[in-house]
Amino acid sequence: MLESTTIGSYLESIGLDVLRWCLTTGLTYSPSFITSITLGFLGLLWYHLFWKPFDRFRDLTEIGFDDVNRPTRNDFKTDTTRRQVINGLMRRRKIGALPPAYPNGWFTIFESNTLAKGNVKEVNLLGLNLVAWRGNSGQCYVADAYCPHLGANLGVGGKVIGECIRCPFHGWSYKGCNGALVNIPYSQTIPDFAKIKIWKTLEGNGFVYLWYHAEGDEPSWYPKIYPEIQSGSWKYRGRSELLVSCHIQEIPENGADTSHFNIVHDEAVLCGGKPEYSWFGWDFIKHKWDGQWRVSDVEGEGHVAIMKLRHEMSLLGKIPLFVVNVNVKQVGPSTVSLEFETAFGKGVLFHMVTPLEPMVQRVTHQFYTSNALIHPYAKIMLLAEAIMIERDVKIWNRKTFMKTPLLIKNDRSVKQFRKWYAQFYSDNSPQCFFTKNENSLEF
């Protein structure tokens, strides 16, 4: 059976071929021409609405620096100018007394479908330079990127041989299971001490997770793997990805800061990620949020925090249009799952934060639902989530970290969150040190 992406691409190509044929034949304005045009258009429309997964990416030149990206600022039209201005803003930004750069835990390092069998991938995050490859068995391996021989990057030109990776410089080959050197093409002698570090990984939910711990401790907990996703009974609906300039702790803290929901996210999603610049006024539609954050009281789940979130969209603030109840689970320092069940179906939206640098985070969303939830509705939900988080990004990108914030009684969940999150730092967690010149964001 063809994979869904292959089938979708095939259908799209058929639609495009029909349109090309119509435009190159002499059947202009004939019934067959009109019929063919209509069928081609309907085929493309069906593919995009009911088959093609949602896919959206935004970098730091597109969101989060609204002074630069504001539509009326004609002097910031080029990417080069925008980058220069953004770098200037970052240099002048007061960072604050940050926590350690990278907490301990499981992190999603890439999405499973981006690494095919026999392929190699360079991975740079968490202050690490890594190489990932998928052996002929389908098993994914992650190791330190640099060959201990003369320092070549195995992720740049390395080749997969069975379950091993071969260095592009001198052909030294290392086993995926333990990193041991197994072959030197021009030598009969293999040093038994020669090896590369293999990192502990876990694959599930459409992601490859890596275990990072500053003390070298083994995992004491694991991400939740959803059997509905693994079995394929839930359908993949799409993804979104964006880059954020802030410390990793700022992003999950947003969930515990329930007071911000009805300030930042009250305006209609139709106004977009920058409602203050929207050409249309949708004041008659409002979003109302109600949530309570707390640490899980289940034994053995000290690394889990939960929130019951109620989202209501109303007309004129009085007439409910729809209500969604979501069970939110923060598992460890970087992984959030939003589980929901509605009359249209049930599913889970993943919210994954991965530190690329101390002050640059990659935020990835993936969405899986039961087949009962129709694809166009799922894509609308993903788009709405992407728009809502863009409203947070413009704050994250320009705020300073307050080590001792001025909190009131209503902010007690923020204090609880910081106490809970502190467990993911340890004595050797890398600290954030910035000089005036280092506090910049170069593209």
Protein backbone atom coordinates (compact mmCIF):
# COMPACT_ATOMS: atom_id res chain seq x y z
CA MET A 1 0.00 0.00 0.00
CA LEU A 2 1.28 3.47 -0.87
CA GLU A 3 1.89 5.78 2.08
CA SER A 4 -0.61 8.62 2.47
CA THR A 5 1.91 11.26 1.41
CA THR A 6 2.70 9.25 -1.75
CA ILE A 7 -0.98 8.84 -2.60
CA GLY A 8 -1.62 12.51 -1.92
CA SER A 9 1.26 13.59 -4.14
CA TYR A 10 0.02 11.21 -6.85
CA LEU A 11 -3.48 12.69 -6.72
CA GLU A 12 -2.10 16.21 -6.80
CA SER A 13 0.04 15.36 -9.83
CA ILE A 14 -3.02 13.95 -11.61
CA GLY A 15 -4.92 17.17 -10.98
CA LEU A 16 -2.04 19.28 -12.25
CA ASP A 17 -1.64 17.05 -15.32
CA VAL A 18 -5.34 17.49 -16.12
CA LEU A 19 -5.00 21.26 -15.89
CA ARG A 20 -1.86 21.29 -18.05
CA TRP A 21 -3.56 19.10 -20.66
CA CYS A 22 -6.57 21.40 -20.74
CA LEU A 23 -4.42 24.47 -21.23
CA THR A 24 -2.33 22.93 -24.01
CA THR A 25 -5.15 21.40 -26.10
CA GLY A 26 -7.30 23.19 -28.55
CA LEU A 27 -10.50 22.45 -26.66
CA THR A 28 -10.83 25.98 -25.38
CA TYR A 29 -14.38 26.71 -24.20
CA SER A 30 -15.57 23.29 -25.33
CA PRO A 31 -17.66 21.16 -22.93
CA SER A 32 -14.78 18.71 -22.49
CA PHE A 33 -12.42 21.57 -21.66
CA ILE A 34 -14.77 22.99 -19.00
CA THR A 35 -15.39 19.51 -17.57
CA SER A 36 -11.67 18.77 -17.38
CA ILE A 37 -10.91 22.12 -15.74
CA THR A 38 -13.67 21.51 -13.19
CA LEU A 39 -12.50 17.98 -12.39
CA GLY A 40 -8.89 19.12 -12.05
CA PHE A 41 -9.88 21.94 -9.74
CA LEU A 42 -12.11 19.70 -7.63
CA GLY A 43 -9.34 17.10 -7.42
CA LEU A 44 -6.85 19.65 -6.13
CA LEU A 45 -9.40 21.08 -3.71
CA TRP A 46 -10.23 17.62 -2.37
CA TYR A 47 -6.56 16.78 -1.93
CA HIS A 48 -5.74 19.96 -0.02
CA LEU A 49 -8.86 19.85 2.17
CA PHE A 50 -9.22 16.14 2.89
CA TRP A 51 -5.78 14.59 2.40
CA LYS A 52 -2.77 16.90 2.59
CA PRO A 53 -1.49 17.33 6.18
CA PHE A 54 -1.21 20.84 7.60
CA ASP A 55 2.36 22.19 7.48
CA ARG A 56 3.41 25.63 8.72
CA PHE A 57 6.83 27.08 9.60
CA ARG A 58 7.71 30.50 10.99
CA ASP A 59 11.17 31.78 11.83
CA LEU A 60 12.31 34.83 13.75
CA THR A 61 12.03 37.13 10.72
CA GLU A 62 8.31 36.33 10.42
CA ILE A 63 6.91 36.43 13.95
CA GLY A 64 7.84 37.71 17.37
CA PHE A 65 9.48 40.97 16.30
CA ASP A 66 6.42 42.97 15.34
CA ASP A 67 8.24 46.32 15.31
CA VAL A 68 10.27 44.90 12.42
CA ASN A 69 7.56 42.91 10.64
CA ARG A 70 4.76 45.46 10.93
CA PRO A 71 3.14 45.80 7.48
CA THR A 72 3.36 49.61 7.46
CA ARG A 73 7.12 49.65 8.02
CA ASN A 74 8.26 49.89 4.41
CA ASP A 75 11.90 50.38 5.44
CA PHE A 76 12.06 46.77 6.67
CA LYS A 77 11.02 45.04 3.49
CA THR A 78 14.12 42.95 2.78
CA ASP A 79 15.18 39.91 4.78
CA THR A 80 18.68 41.33 5.21
CA THR A 81 17.38 44.53 6.76
CA ARG A 82 14.98 42.66 9.02
CA ARG A 83 17.78 40.40 10.27
CA GLN A 84 20.03 43.36 10.97
CA VAL A 85 17.31 45.12 12.95
CA ILE A 86 16.41 41.95 14.87
CA ASN A 87 20.07 41.37 15.77
CA GLY A 88 20.26 44.94 17.01
CA LEU A 89 17.19 44.42 19.19
CA MET A 90 18.69 41.23 20.60
CA ARG A 91 21.99 42.90 21.44
CA ARG A 92 20.19 45.61 23.40
CA ARG A 93 17.87 43.22 25.20
CA LYS A 94 18.31 42.69 28.94
CA ILE A 95 18.37 38.91 29.32
CA GLY A 96 18.01 38.64 33.11
CA ALA A 97 19.41 36.11 35.58
CA LEU A 98 18.66 32.94 33.65
CA PRO A 99 18.36 29.40 34.99
CA PRO A 100 20.81 26.80 33.58
CA ALA A 101 20.73 26.60 29.80
CA TYR A 102 19.54 23.02 29.40
CA PRO A 103 17.40 21.04 31.86
CA ASN A 104 17.64 17.27 32.23
CA GLY A 105 15.08 15.08 30.50
CA TRP A 106 13.79 13.73 27.20
CA PHE A 107 13.82 16.07 24.21
CA THR A 108 12.43 15.60 20.71
CA ILE A 109 15.38 16.05 18.37
CA PHE A 110 13.52 15.55 15.08
CA GLU A 111 10.39 14.03 13.58
CA SER A 112 10.61 10.36 12.58
CA ASN A 113 9.48 10.89 9.00
CA THR A 114 12.47 13.17 8.31
CA LEU A 115 14.97 10.29 8.52
CA ALA A 116 14.51 7.40 6.10
CA LYS A 117 16.32 4.05 6.16
CA GLY A 118 19.93 4.35 5.14
CA ASN A 119 19.99 8.13 5.60
CA VAL A 120 22.18 10.33 7.80
CA LYS A 121 21.19 13.56 9.54
CA GLU A 122 23.27 16.27 11.24
CA VAL A 123 21.69 17.39 14.52
CA ASN A 124 22.76 20.44 16.54
CA LEU A 125 20.95 21.21 19.79
CA LEU A 126 21.34 21.26 23.59
CA GLY A 127 24.88 22.52 23.08
CA LEU A 128 25.70 19.26 21.30
CA ASN A 129 26.85 18.35 17.80
CA LEU A 130 25.27 15.02 16.95
CA VAL A 131 24.76 12.67 14.04
CA ALA A 132 21.66 10.55 13.54
CA TRP A 133 21.24 7.66 11.11
CA ARG A 134 18.69 4.97 10.43
CA GLY A 135 20.11 1.52 9.83
CA ASN A 136 18.81 -0.97 7.30
CA SER A 137 16.72 -2.55 10.08
CA GLY A 138 14.87 0.73 10.57
CA GLN A 139 16.47 1.39 13.96
CA CYS A 140 17.50 4.99 14.59
CA TYR A 141 20.87 5.75 16.23
CA VAL A 142 22.25 9.04 17.57
CA ALA A 143 25.93 9.63 18.37
CA ASP A 144 28.47 12.40 18.88
CA ALA A 145 29.09 13.91 15.47
CA TYR A 146 32.87 14.06 15.37
CA CYS A 147 35.02 11.09 14.39
CA PRO A 148 37.69 10.55 17.08
CA HIS A 149 40.26 9.91 14.35
CA LEU A 150 40.74 13.40 12.89
CA GLY A 151 37.48 15.13 13.76
CA ALA A 152 35.36 14.82 10.62
CA ASN A 153 31.64 15.45 11.11
CA LEU A 154 29.90 12.10 10.54
CA GLY A 155 26.64 13.93 9.79
CA VAL A 156 28.15 15.64 6.75
CA GLY A 157 28.81 13.02 4.09
CA GLY A 158 28.71 9.99 6.41
CA LYS A 159 27.24 6.79 4.95
CA VAL A 160 25.14 4.02 6.47
CA ILE A 161 26.55 0.52 6.12
CA GLY A 162 24.05 -1.94 7.58
CA GLU A 163 23.62 -0.62 11.12
CA CYS A 164 26.96 1.21 11.10
CA ILE A 165 27.95 4.71 10.09
CA ARG A 166 31.07 5.27 7.97
CA CYS A 167 33.18 8.40 8.29
CA PRO A 168 33.36 10.45 5.06
CA PHE A 169 37.04 11.31 5.67
CA HIS A 170 38.88 7.98 6.04
CA GLY A 171 36.07 5.42 5.97
CA TRP A 172 36.22 4.38 9.63
CA SER A 173 32.97 2.60 10.54
CA TYR A 174 31.21 2.58 13.91
CA LYS A 175 28.44 0.29 15.17
CA GLY A 176 25.09 1.86 15.95
CA CYS A 177 24.35 -0.31 18.99
CA ASN A 178 27.42 0.64 21.04
CA GLY A 179 29.56 3.03 18.97
CA ALA A 180 32.49 0.61 18.69
CA LEU A 181 34.91 1.01 15.79
CA VAL A 182 34.54 -2.05 13.57
CA ASN A 183 36.39 -1.26 10.35
CA ILE A 184 39.33 0.76 9.03
CA PRO A 185 39.62 0.21 5.25
CA TYR A 186 43.39 0.52 5.14
CA SER A 187 44.34 -1.28 8.36
CA GLN A 188 44.04 -4.81 9.73
CA THR A 189 44.36 -3.53 13.29
CA ILE A 190 41.29 -2.12 15.03
CA PRO A 191 41.93 -0.38 18.39
CA ASP A 192 39.49 -1.97 20.83
CA PHE A 193 39.17 1.28 22.79
CA ALA A 194 38.12 3.35 19.78
CA LYS A 195 34.44 4.29 19.79
CA ILE A 196 31.96 7.14 19.52
CA LYS A 197 29.40 7.98 22.19
CA ILE A 198 25.94 6.61 21.44
CA TRP A 199 23.11 8.60 23.03
CA LYS A 200 20.07 6.96 24.55
CA THR A 201 17.04 7.51 22.32
CA LEU A 202 13.41 6.52 22.14
CA GLU A 203 11.16 6.62 19.09
CA GLY A 204 7.39 7.03 19.28
CA ASN A 205 4.49 9.39 18.65
CA GLY A 206 6.14 10.41 15.37
CA PHE A 207 9.27 11.74 17.13
CA VAL A 208 12.78 10.66 18.03
CA TYR A 209 13.46 11.54 21.67
CA LEU A 210 16.94 11.92 23.18
CA TRP A 211 17.76 11.58 26.88
CA TYR A 212 19.96 14.42 28.14
CA HIS A 213 21.32 14.54 31.70
CA ALA A 214 24.17 16.77 32.85
CA GLU A 215 25.27 14.20 35.45
CA GLY A 216 25.11 11.27 33.04
CA ASP A 217 22.26 9.64 34.98
CA GLU A 218 20.09 6.99 33.33
CA PRO A 219 16.42 7.82 32.61
CA SER A 220 14.16 7.74 35.67
CA TRP A 221 11.00 8.27 33.60
CA TYR A 222 9.87 8.03 29.98
CA PRO A 223 7.55 9.96 27.65
CA LYS A 224 4.05 8.59 27.23
CA ILE A 225 3.74 6.66 23.96
CA TYR A 226 0.21 6.59 22.55
CA PRO A 227 -0.78 3.13 21.21
CA GLU A 228 -3.36 4.74 18.89
CA ILE A 229 -0.52 6.56 17.10
CA GLN A 230 1.81 3.58 17.03
CA SER A 231 -0.87 1.31 15.59
CA GLY A 232 -1.98 3.85 13.01
CA SER A 233 -5.58 3.93 14.26
CA TRP A 234 -5.21 7.70 14.77
CA LYS A 235 -4.50 9.75 11.69
CA TYR A 236 -1.66 12.25 11.35
CA ARG A 237 -3.22 15.66 10.62
CA GLY A 238 -0.16 17.85 10.29
CA ARG A 239 2.41 19.96 12.03
CA SER A 240 3.58 23.48 12.72
CA GLU A 241 7.01 24.73 13.73
CA LEU A 242 8.39 28.05 14.88
CA LEU A 243 11.53 29.50 16.40
CA VAL A 244 11.45 31.48 19.63
CA SER A 245 14.13 33.64 21.24
CA CYS A 246 13.86 32.93 24.96
CA HIS A 247 14.96 30.47 27.64
CA ILE A 248 13.23 27.08 27.49
CA GLN A 249 11.63 27.52 30.94
CA GLU A 250 9.65 30.57 29.77
CA ILE A 251 7.57 28.50 27.35
CA PRO A 252 6.12 25.78 29.64
CA GLU A 253 5.75 28.39 32.41
CA ASN A 254 3.17 29.97 30.13
CA GLY A 255 0.80 27.09 30.91
CA ALA A 256 1.00 27.65 34.65
CA ASP A 257 0.48 31.38 34.12
CA THR A 258 -3.27 30.96 33.66
CA SER A 259 -3.93 34.70 34.15
CA HIS A 260 -2.46 35.54 30.76
CA PHE A 261 -4.94 33.45 28.75
CA ASN A 262 -7.81 35.95 28.85
CA ILE A 263 -5.46 38.85 28.10
CA VAL A 264 -3.29 37.54 25.27
CA HIS A 265 -5.70 35.01 23.77
CA ASP A 266 -9.12 36.61 24.17
CA GLU A 267 -9.43 38.18 20.73
CA ALA A 268 -10.87 36.13 17.87
CA VAL A 269 -8.45 33.78 16.17
CA LEU A 270 -9.65 35.31 12.88
CA CYS A 271 -7.61 38.40 13.80
CA GLY A 272 -4.43 36.36 13.38
CA GLY A 273 -1.25 36.28 15.41
CA LYS A 274 -1.08 40.09 15.48
CA PRO A 275 -4.64 41.20 16.28
CA GLU A 276 -3.54 44.79 16.85
CA TYR A 277 -2.55 44.99 13.18
CA SER A 278 -5.62 43.18 11.83
CA TRP A 279 -7.59 44.97 9.14
CA PHE A 280 -10.82 43.44 10.40
CA GLY A 281 -12.49 43.97 13.74
CA TRP A 282 -13.94 40.86 15.33
CA ASP A 283 -14.80 42.30 18.72
CA PHE A 284 -18.13 40.47 18.69
CA ILE A 285 -16.28 37.14 18.92
CA LYS A 286 -14.25 36.39 22.05
CA HIS A 287 -12.32 33.47 23.47
CA LYS A 288 -12.68 32.68 27.15
CA TRP A 289 -10.27 30.40 29.00
CA ASP A 290 -10.41 28.73 32.38
CA GLY A 291 -7.66 26.45 33.65
CA GLN A 292 -6.05 25.16 36.82
CA TRP A 293 -2.42 24.02 36.85
CA ARG A 294 -1.05 21.57 39.40
CA VAL A 295 1.59 18.90 39.92
CA SER A 296 0.39 15.33 39.41
CA ASP A 297 -0.43 13.54 42.66
CA VAL A 298 -0.01 10.09 41.09
CA GLU A 299 2.81 8.10 42.71
CA GLY A 300 5.90 8.00 40.52
CA GLU A 301 4.78 10.99 38.42
CA GLY A 302 6.66 13.79 40.12
CA HIS A 303 7.93 14.77 36.68
CA VAL A 304 4.36 15.36 35.44
CA ALA A 305 2.20 18.47 35.77
CA ILE A 306 -1.42 18.61 34.65
CA MET A 307 -4.02 21.21 33.79
CA LYS A 308 -7.71 21.04 33.05
CA LEU A 309 -8.35 23.68 30.42
CA ARG A 310 -11.77 24.88 29.27
CA HIS A 311 -11.96 26.96 26.11
CA GLU A 312 -15.14 28.72 25.07
CA MET A 313 -15.69 30.86 21.99
CA SER A 314 -18.68 33.13 22.34
CA LEU A 315 -20.67 35.67 20.36
CA LEU A 316 -20.98 39.07 22.02
CA GLY A 317 -19.58 37.49 25.15
CA LYS A 318 -22.94 35.85 25.89
CA ILE A 319 -23.82 33.27 23.25
CA PRO A 320 -21.50 30.22 23.31
CA LEU A 321 -20.49 29.06 19.84
CA PHE A 322 -18.54 26.03 21.04
CA VAL A 323 -16.77 24.68 24.11
CA VAL A 324 -13.70 22.44 24.21
CA ASN A 325 -12.34 20.74 27.33
CA VAL A 326 -8.68 19.74 27.16
CA ASN A 327 -6.56 17.61 29.48
CA VAL A 328 -3.07 19.09 29.37
CA LYS A 329 -0.05 17.08 30.53
CA GLN A 330 3.46 18.50 30.89
CA VAL A 331 5.81 15.51 30.99
CA GLY A 332 9.31 16.59 31.94
CA PRO A 333 10.86 19.92 30.93
CA SER A 334 9.95 20.01 27.25
CA THR A 335 6.98 17.83 26.31
CA VAL A 336 3.31 18.81 26.53
CA SER A 337 0.37 16.79 25.27
CA LEU A 338 -3.12 18.24 24.92
CA GLU A 339 -5.64 15.41 25.02
CA PHE A 340 -9.21 16.13 23.99
CA GLU A 341 -12.45 14.33 23.30
CA THR A 342 -15.31 16.02 21.46
CA ALA A 343 -18.46 15.07 19.63
CA PHE A 344 -16.37 15.22 16.44
CA GLY A 345 -13.74 12.76 17.70
CA LYS A 346 -10.73 12.58 19.99
CA GLY A 347 -7.00 12.98 19.67
CA VAL A 348 -3.83 14.57 20.97
CA LEU A 349 -1.86 17.67 20.05
CA PHE A 350 1.84 17.55 20.94
CA HIS A 351 3.65 20.73 21.94
CA MET A 352 7.41 20.05 21.94
CA VAL A 353 10.14 22.53 22.92
CA THR A 354 13.75 21.81 21.94
CA PRO A 355 16.64 24.16 22.83
CA LEU A 356 18.80 24.80 19.78
CA GLU A 357 20.82 27.31 21.81
CA PRO A 358 20.39 28.73 25.33
CA MET A 359 18.16 31.50 23.95
CA VAL A 360 16.74 29.88 20.80
CA GLN A 361 13.98 27.29 21.09
CA ARG A 362 12.31 25.22 18.39
CA VAL A 363 8.62 24.70 19.13
CA THR A 364 6.98 21.87 17.19
CA HIS A 365 3.33 20.85 17.14
CA GLN A 366 2.02 17.57 15.76
CA PHE A 367 -1.63 16.60 15.70
CA TYR A 368 -3.19 13.11 15.66
CA THR A 369 -6.91 12.35 15.82
CA SER A 370 -9.38 9.52 15.38
CA ASN A 371 -10.77 9.06 11.88
CA ALA A 372 -14.13 10.42 13.05
CA LEU A 373 -12.73 13.94 13.15
CA ILE A 374 -12.82 15.24 9.59
CA HIS A 375 -9.57 16.49 8.09
CA PRO A 376 -10.63 20.11 7.32
CA TYR A 377 -11.69 20.61 10.95
CA ALA A 378 -8.37 19.18 12.18
CA LYS A 379 -6.46 21.59 9.95
CA ILE A 380 -8.48 24.51 11.30
CA MET A 381 -7.61 23.44 14.85
CA LEU A 382 -3.90 23.28 14.00
CA LEU A 383 -4.03 26.69 12.33
CA ALA A 384 -5.82 28.18 15.34
CA GLU A 385 -3.19 26.75 17.71
CA ALA A 386 -0.39 28.13 15.54
CA ILE A 387 -1.99 31.59 15.47
CA MET A 388 -2.57 31.64 19.22
CA ILE A 389 1.02 30.73 20.06
CA GLU A 390 2.30 33.44 17.72
CA ARG A 391 0.71 35.91 20.13
CA ASP A 392 2.90 34.47 22.89
CA VAL A 393 6.03 34.56 20.76
CA LYS A 394 6.00 38.34 20.42
CA ILE A 395 6.14 38.53 24.24
CA TRP A 396 8.72 35.77 24.74
CA ASN A 397 11.07 37.29 22.18
CA ARG A 398 11.24 40.65 23.92
CA LYS A 399 10.82 39.91 27.65
CA THR A 400 13.46 39.59 30.33
CA PHE A 401 13.62 36.67 32.74
CA MET A 402 12.59 37.73 36.24
CA LYS A 403 14.40 35.54 38.76
CA THR A 404 12.36 37.03 41.63
CA PRO A 405 9.13 38.21 40.00
CA LEU A 406 6.57 40.36 41.78
CA LEU A 407 3.73 37.84 42.20
CA ILE A 408 0.30 38.25 43.73
CA LYS A 409 -2.04 35.64 45.19
CA ASN A 410 -3.55 34.86 41.78
CA ASP A 411 -0.06 34.00 40.47
CA ARG A 412 0.59 31.19 42.96
CA SER A 413 0.65 28.57 40.19
CA VAL A 414 3.68 30.35 38.65
CA LYS A 415 5.54 29.97 41.94
CA GLN A 416 4.49 26.31 42.13
CA PHE A 417 5.64 25.77 38.55
CA ARG A 418 9.13 27.16 39.21
CA LYS A 419 9.54 24.96 42.27
CA TRP A 420 8.43 21.93 40.24
CA TYR A 421 10.58 22.77 37.20
CA ALA A 422 13.72 23.22 39.34
CA GLN A 423 13.94 19.41 39.67
CA PHE A 424 15.14 19.22 36.06
CA TYR A 425 18.36 21.12 36.85
CA SER A 426 21.36 19.57 38.59
CA ASP A 427 24.80 20.60 39.83
CA ASN A 428 26.48 20.31 36.43
CA SER A 429 23.68 21.75 34.32
CA PRO A 430 25.38 24.20 31.92
CA GLN A 431 24.98 27.81 32.95
CA CYS A 432 24.06 30.69 30.65
CA PHE A 433 26.80 33.29 30.35
CA PHE A 434 26.42 36.25 28.01
CA THR A 435 28.61 39.23 27.39
CA LYS A 436 27.19 42.27 25.68
CA ASN A 437 28.50 41.13 22.30
CA GLU A 438 27.42 37.50 22.77
CA ASN A 439 23.81 38.42 23.45
CA SER A 440 22.89 38.46 19.81
CA LEU A 441 20.90 36.37 17.42
CA GLU A 442 22.73 35.79 14.17
CA PHE A 443 20.99 34.14 11.21
